[in-house]
N, C-alpha and C. Protein backbone atom coordinates (compact mmCIF):
# COMPACT_ATOMS: atom_id res chain seq x y z
N MET A 1 50.21 95.81 -38.68
CA MET A 1 51.29 95.60 -39.63
C MET A 1 52.16 96.86 -39.66
N SER A 2 53.44 96.67 -39.51
CA SER A 2 54.36 97.81 -39.56
C SER A 2 54.76 98.07 -41.01
N ARG A 3 55.61 99.04 -41.18
CA ARG A 3 56.08 99.40 -42.52
C ARG A 3 56.70 98.18 -43.20
N ILE A 4 56.32 97.95 -44.44
CA ILE A 4 56.79 96.80 -45.21
C ILE A 4 58.12 97.17 -45.87
N GLU A 5 59.17 96.47 -45.50
CA GLU A 5 60.50 96.73 -46.06
C GLU A 5 60.96 95.63 -46.99
N SER A 6 60.49 94.39 -46.74
CA SER A 6 60.89 93.26 -47.57
C SER A 6 59.72 92.28 -47.61
N LEU A 7 59.80 91.37 -48.57
CA LEU A 7 58.73 90.40 -48.76
C LEU A 7 59.29 88.99 -48.80
N ALA A 8 58.53 88.04 -48.26
CA ALA A 8 58.82 86.63 -48.44
C ALA A 8 58.45 86.28 -49.89
N PRO A 9 58.94 85.16 -50.41
CA PRO A 9 58.66 84.80 -51.81
C PRO A 9 57.17 84.73 -52.17
N ASN A 10 56.31 84.40 -51.20
CA ASN A 10 54.87 84.27 -51.49
C ASN A 10 54.08 85.53 -51.14
N GLU A 11 54.75 86.62 -50.78
CA GLU A 11 54.05 87.83 -50.37
C GLU A 11 53.98 88.85 -51.50
N VAL A 12 52.90 89.62 -51.49
CA VAL A 12 52.63 90.63 -52.51
C VAL A 12 52.29 91.95 -51.82
N PHE A 13 52.96 93.01 -52.25
CA PHE A 13 52.77 94.37 -51.73
C PHE A 13 51.63 95.02 -52.52
N VAL A 14 50.55 95.41 -51.85
CA VAL A 14 49.38 96.00 -52.52
C VAL A 14 49.41 97.51 -52.31
N PHE A 15 49.39 98.25 -53.42
CA PHE A 15 49.59 99.70 -53.36
C PHE A 15 48.58 100.44 -54.22
N GLY A 16 48.42 101.72 -53.95
CA GLY A 16 47.56 102.58 -54.75
C GLY A 16 48.33 103.14 -55.94
N SER A 17 47.67 103.11 -57.09
CA SER A 17 48.28 103.57 -58.34
C SER A 17 47.42 104.67 -58.95
N ASN A 18 47.76 105.05 -60.17
CA ASN A 18 46.93 105.96 -60.95
C ASN A 18 46.65 105.32 -62.30
N ALA A 19 45.74 105.90 -63.07
CA ALA A 19 45.29 105.29 -64.32
C ALA A 19 46.41 105.11 -65.33
N ASN A 20 47.45 105.92 -65.24
CA ASN A 20 48.57 105.81 -66.18
C ASN A 20 49.65 104.85 -65.72
N GLY A 21 49.55 104.36 -64.51
CA GLY A 21 50.59 103.50 -63.97
C GLY A 21 51.92 104.24 -63.84
N ALA A 22 51.84 105.53 -63.58
CA ALA A 22 53.04 106.35 -63.36
C ALA A 22 53.35 106.29 -61.87
N HIS A 23 54.23 105.40 -61.50
CA HIS A 23 54.52 105.11 -60.10
C HIS A 23 55.59 106.06 -59.55
N GLY A 24 55.25 107.35 -59.51
CA GLY A 24 56.24 108.37 -59.18
C GLY A 24 56.38 108.73 -57.73
N GLY A 25 55.42 108.35 -56.87
CA GLY A 25 55.51 108.76 -55.48
C GLY A 25 54.83 107.78 -54.55
N GLY A 26 55.04 107.98 -53.27
CA GLY A 26 54.39 107.18 -52.24
C GLY A 26 54.66 105.69 -52.35
N ALA A 27 53.67 104.91 -51.97
CA ALA A 27 53.81 103.45 -51.99
C ALA A 27 54.00 102.93 -53.41
N ALA A 28 53.44 103.64 -54.40
CA ALA A 28 53.62 103.22 -55.79
C ALA A 28 55.08 103.28 -56.20
N ARG A 29 55.76 104.34 -55.79
CA ARG A 29 57.19 104.45 -56.10
C ARG A 29 57.99 103.37 -55.39
N PHE A 30 57.60 103.09 -54.15
CA PHE A 30 58.27 102.04 -53.38
C PHE A 30 58.08 100.69 -54.07
N ALA A 31 56.84 100.43 -54.55
CA ALA A 31 56.57 99.18 -55.27
C ALA A 31 57.39 99.09 -56.55
N TYR A 32 57.53 100.20 -57.23
CA TYR A 32 58.32 100.26 -58.46
C TYR A 32 59.81 100.02 -58.17
N ASP A 33 60.30 100.68 -57.15
CA ASP A 33 61.73 100.58 -56.81
C ASP A 33 62.10 99.23 -56.22
N ARG A 34 61.18 98.61 -55.44
CA ARG A 34 61.55 97.43 -54.65
C ARG A 34 60.86 96.12 -55.03
N PHE A 35 59.63 96.22 -55.55
CA PHE A 35 58.84 94.99 -55.65
C PHE A 35 58.30 94.68 -57.06
N GLY A 36 58.89 95.27 -58.07
CA GLY A 36 58.57 94.88 -59.44
C GLY A 36 57.37 95.52 -60.09
N ALA A 37 56.83 96.60 -59.51
CA ALA A 37 55.72 97.30 -60.18
C ALA A 37 56.20 97.76 -61.55
N VAL A 38 55.32 97.68 -62.53
CA VAL A 38 55.65 97.97 -63.92
C VAL A 38 55.17 99.38 -64.28
N TRP A 39 56.09 100.23 -64.72
CA TRP A 39 55.72 101.58 -65.16
C TRP A 39 54.74 101.44 -66.32
N GLY A 40 53.61 102.13 -66.24
CA GLY A 40 52.61 102.08 -67.30
C GLY A 40 51.49 101.08 -67.03
N GLN A 41 51.60 100.26 -66.00
CA GLN A 41 50.54 99.32 -65.63
C GLN A 41 49.91 99.80 -64.33
N SER A 42 48.63 100.13 -64.39
CA SER A 42 47.99 100.71 -63.20
C SER A 42 47.39 99.66 -62.28
N GLU A 43 46.88 98.59 -62.82
CA GLU A 43 46.13 97.62 -62.02
C GLU A 43 46.69 96.23 -62.18
N GLY A 44 46.59 95.48 -61.09
CA GLY A 44 46.90 94.06 -61.15
C GLY A 44 48.27 93.69 -60.66
N LEU A 45 48.55 92.41 -60.79
CA LEU A 45 49.80 91.84 -60.32
C LEU A 45 50.95 92.31 -61.19
N GLN A 46 52.01 92.77 -60.53
CA GLN A 46 53.20 93.29 -61.19
C GLN A 46 54.39 92.87 -60.35
N GLY A 47 55.11 91.86 -60.75
CA GLY A 47 56.20 91.35 -59.92
C GLY A 47 55.62 90.87 -58.61
N GLN A 48 56.18 91.37 -57.49
CA GLN A 48 55.66 91.04 -56.17
C GLN A 48 54.81 92.18 -55.63
N SER A 49 54.10 92.85 -56.53
CA SER A 49 53.21 93.93 -56.12
C SER A 49 51.90 93.83 -56.88
N TYR A 50 50.90 94.51 -56.36
CA TYR A 50 49.57 94.54 -56.98
C TYR A 50 49.05 95.96 -56.88
N GLY A 51 48.74 96.57 -58.03
CA GLY A 51 48.27 97.94 -58.07
C GLY A 51 46.75 98.06 -58.13
N ILE A 52 46.24 99.07 -57.45
CA ILE A 52 44.82 99.44 -57.47
C ILE A 52 44.76 100.93 -57.77
N ASP A 53 44.05 101.31 -58.83
CA ASP A 53 43.92 102.72 -59.19
C ASP A 53 43.06 103.43 -58.16
N THR A 54 43.69 104.29 -57.39
CA THR A 54 42.99 105.05 -56.36
C THR A 54 42.79 106.51 -56.75
N MET A 55 43.27 106.88 -57.94
CA MET A 55 43.28 108.30 -58.34
C MET A 55 42.18 108.67 -59.34
N SER A 56 41.36 107.71 -59.75
CA SER A 56 40.35 107.97 -60.78
C SER A 56 38.95 108.05 -60.21
N GLY A 57 38.83 108.30 -58.91
CA GLY A 57 37.53 108.43 -58.27
C GLY A 57 37.18 107.20 -57.46
N LEU A 58 36.29 107.40 -56.50
CA LEU A 58 35.92 106.31 -55.59
C LEU A 58 35.26 105.14 -56.30
N HIS A 59 34.49 105.40 -57.36
CA HIS A 59 33.82 104.31 -58.07
C HIS A 59 34.84 103.36 -58.69
N VAL A 60 35.85 103.91 -59.37
CA VAL A 60 36.91 103.10 -59.98
C VAL A 60 37.68 102.36 -58.89
N PHE A 61 38.01 103.06 -57.83
CA PHE A 61 38.74 102.47 -56.71
C PHE A 61 37.97 101.27 -56.16
N GLU A 62 36.68 101.45 -55.92
CA GLU A 62 35.86 100.37 -55.36
C GLU A 62 35.81 99.17 -56.31
N GLU A 63 35.63 99.42 -57.61
CA GLU A 63 35.61 98.32 -58.59
C GLU A 63 36.92 97.56 -58.59
N GLN A 64 38.03 98.29 -58.57
CA GLN A 64 39.33 97.63 -58.62
C GLN A 64 39.64 96.90 -57.31
N ALA A 65 39.20 97.44 -56.19
CA ALA A 65 39.38 96.75 -54.92
C ALA A 65 38.61 95.43 -54.94
N GLY A 66 37.42 95.43 -55.53
CA GLY A 66 36.63 94.20 -55.66
C GLY A 66 37.34 93.18 -56.53
N ARG A 67 37.93 93.63 -57.64
CA ARG A 67 38.69 92.71 -58.50
C ARG A 67 39.92 92.17 -57.77
N PHE A 68 40.56 93.03 -56.97
CA PHE A 68 41.70 92.58 -56.18
C PHE A 68 41.27 91.47 -55.21
N LEU A 69 40.17 91.67 -54.49
CA LEU A 69 39.73 90.65 -53.53
C LEU A 69 39.41 89.34 -54.22
N ALA A 70 38.82 89.40 -55.40
CA ALA A 70 38.55 88.17 -56.16
C ALA A 70 39.86 87.50 -56.57
N PHE A 71 40.83 88.29 -57.01
CA PHE A 71 42.15 87.76 -57.40
C PHE A 71 42.81 87.08 -56.19
N ALA A 72 42.76 87.74 -55.05
CA ALA A 72 43.37 87.18 -53.84
C ALA A 72 42.71 85.85 -53.47
N ALA A 73 41.38 85.79 -53.57
CA ALA A 73 40.66 84.55 -53.26
C ALA A 73 41.06 83.42 -54.21
N GLU A 74 41.37 83.77 -55.45
CA GLU A 74 41.78 82.77 -56.46
C GLU A 74 43.23 82.34 -56.30
N HIS A 75 43.99 83.02 -55.45
CA HIS A 75 45.41 82.73 -55.26
C HIS A 75 45.73 82.55 -53.77
N PRO A 76 45.17 81.48 -53.16
CA PRO A 76 45.32 81.29 -51.72
C PRO A 76 46.76 81.03 -51.27
N GLY A 77 47.65 80.68 -52.17
CA GLY A 77 49.05 80.45 -51.84
C GLY A 77 49.85 81.73 -51.68
N LEU A 78 49.25 82.86 -52.05
CA LEU A 78 49.91 84.15 -51.91
C LEU A 78 49.36 84.88 -50.69
N ARG A 79 50.19 85.70 -50.09
CA ARG A 79 49.78 86.53 -48.95
C ARG A 79 49.90 87.98 -49.38
N PHE A 80 48.80 88.71 -49.37
CA PHE A 80 48.72 90.07 -49.87
C PHE A 80 48.79 91.06 -48.71
N LEU A 81 49.82 91.90 -48.72
CA LEU A 81 50.01 92.90 -47.68
C LEU A 81 49.53 94.24 -48.20
N VAL A 82 48.38 94.68 -47.72
CA VAL A 82 47.72 95.88 -48.23
C VAL A 82 48.22 97.11 -47.46
N THR A 83 48.71 98.10 -48.19
CA THR A 83 49.06 99.38 -47.60
C THR A 83 47.77 100.17 -47.37
N GLU A 84 47.87 101.35 -46.83
CA GLU A 84 46.68 102.20 -46.69
C GLU A 84 46.35 102.81 -48.06
N VAL A 85 45.97 101.94 -49.00
CA VAL A 85 45.71 102.38 -50.36
C VAL A 85 44.66 103.48 -50.37
N GLY A 86 44.96 104.52 -51.13
CA GLY A 86 44.04 105.64 -51.28
C GLY A 86 44.13 106.69 -50.19
N CYS A 87 44.91 106.42 -49.13
CA CYS A 87 44.94 107.32 -47.98
C CYS A 87 46.19 108.19 -47.94
N GLY A 88 46.96 108.19 -48.99
CA GLY A 88 48.14 109.05 -49.08
C GLY A 88 47.88 110.13 -50.11
N ILE A 89 48.53 110.01 -51.23
CA ILE A 89 48.43 111.00 -52.30
C ILE A 89 46.99 111.16 -52.81
N ALA A 90 46.22 110.08 -52.86
CA ALA A 90 44.83 110.16 -53.34
C ALA A 90 43.94 110.97 -52.40
N GLY A 91 44.29 111.01 -51.11
CA GLY A 91 43.61 111.90 -50.18
C GLY A 91 42.36 111.38 -49.50
N TYR A 92 42.06 110.10 -49.62
CA TYR A 92 40.89 109.55 -48.92
C TYR A 92 41.26 109.19 -47.49
N THR A 93 40.24 109.02 -46.67
CA THR A 93 40.46 108.58 -45.30
C THR A 93 40.15 107.08 -45.21
N PRO A 94 40.69 106.41 -44.19
CA PRO A 94 40.33 105.00 -44.00
C PRO A 94 38.82 104.80 -43.90
N ASP A 95 38.12 105.72 -43.28
CA ASP A 95 36.65 105.60 -43.18
C ASP A 95 35.99 105.55 -44.55
N GLU A 96 36.53 106.27 -45.51
CA GLU A 96 35.94 106.31 -46.85
C GLU A 96 36.18 105.04 -47.65
N VAL A 97 37.26 104.32 -47.36
CA VAL A 97 37.63 103.21 -48.24
C VAL A 97 37.65 101.84 -47.58
N ARG A 98 37.61 101.78 -46.25
CA ARG A 98 37.75 100.46 -45.60
C ARG A 98 36.68 99.48 -46.05
N GLY A 99 35.48 99.98 -46.33
CA GLY A 99 34.40 99.09 -46.78
C GLY A 99 34.70 98.39 -48.10
N PHE A 100 35.57 98.96 -48.91
CA PHE A 100 35.95 98.33 -50.18
C PHE A 100 36.65 97.00 -49.95
N PHE A 101 37.18 96.80 -48.75
CA PHE A 101 37.94 95.60 -48.44
C PHE A 101 37.21 94.66 -47.48
N ALA A 102 35.93 94.95 -47.23
CA ALA A 102 35.11 94.10 -46.36
C ALA A 102 35.03 92.70 -46.96
N GLY A 103 35.11 91.71 -46.12
CA GLY A 103 35.02 90.32 -46.58
C GLY A 103 36.29 89.81 -47.25
N ALA A 104 37.40 90.49 -47.00
CA ALA A 104 38.66 90.06 -47.60
C ALA A 104 38.98 88.63 -47.18
N PRO A 105 39.50 87.83 -48.11
CA PRO A 105 39.88 86.46 -47.74
C PRO A 105 41.03 86.46 -46.73
N GLY A 106 41.26 85.33 -46.11
CA GLY A 106 42.25 85.20 -45.05
C GLY A 106 43.69 85.47 -45.46
N ASN A 107 43.98 85.43 -46.75
CA ASN A 107 45.34 85.67 -47.22
C ASN A 107 45.60 87.15 -47.51
N VAL A 108 44.66 88.01 -47.14
CA VAL A 108 44.81 89.45 -47.31
C VAL A 108 45.02 90.07 -45.93
N VAL A 109 46.16 90.74 -45.77
CA VAL A 109 46.48 91.41 -44.51
C VAL A 109 46.21 92.89 -44.70
N LEU A 110 45.21 93.39 -43.96
CA LEU A 110 44.81 94.80 -44.09
C LEU A 110 45.51 95.65 -43.04
N PRO A 111 45.71 96.93 -43.35
CA PRO A 111 46.27 97.82 -42.33
C PRO A 111 45.26 97.96 -41.18
N GLU A 112 45.78 98.21 -40.00
CA GLU A 112 44.93 98.32 -38.82
C GLU A 112 43.82 99.35 -38.99
N SER A 113 44.13 100.45 -39.69
CA SER A 113 43.15 101.51 -39.88
C SER A 113 41.95 101.06 -40.74
N PHE A 114 42.10 99.96 -41.47
CA PHE A 114 40.99 99.43 -42.28
C PHE A 114 40.15 98.43 -41.50
N LEU A 115 40.59 98.08 -40.31
CA LEU A 115 39.90 97.07 -39.52
C LEU A 115 38.97 97.64 -38.47
N THR A 116 39.15 98.92 -38.13
CA THR A 116 38.37 99.50 -37.02
C THR A 116 37.06 100.07 -37.50
């Protein structure tokens, strides 16, 4: 998957957030500027975006990734485009977080670095 610039009506941009939902940089800022992310909301569906708190530690990140996968499974009509959540400002590597997305339903498109 290349850089996401636009979304089809059924697509959702999945990005890493922080506990305060302060979408000031990286993919979070892009989601805020372009895809309806809500300032002050850290997790969940926000316009055509979905936030996962990647800044509050790996345990929180893993829990929220699990909730995201359950949400995606419950919404098969949506296509979720996952960025390299946690691998930018949060500072994790794909090796540290790819397992959080294991078993993703078919409507979840993961970055290539999460598949290897």
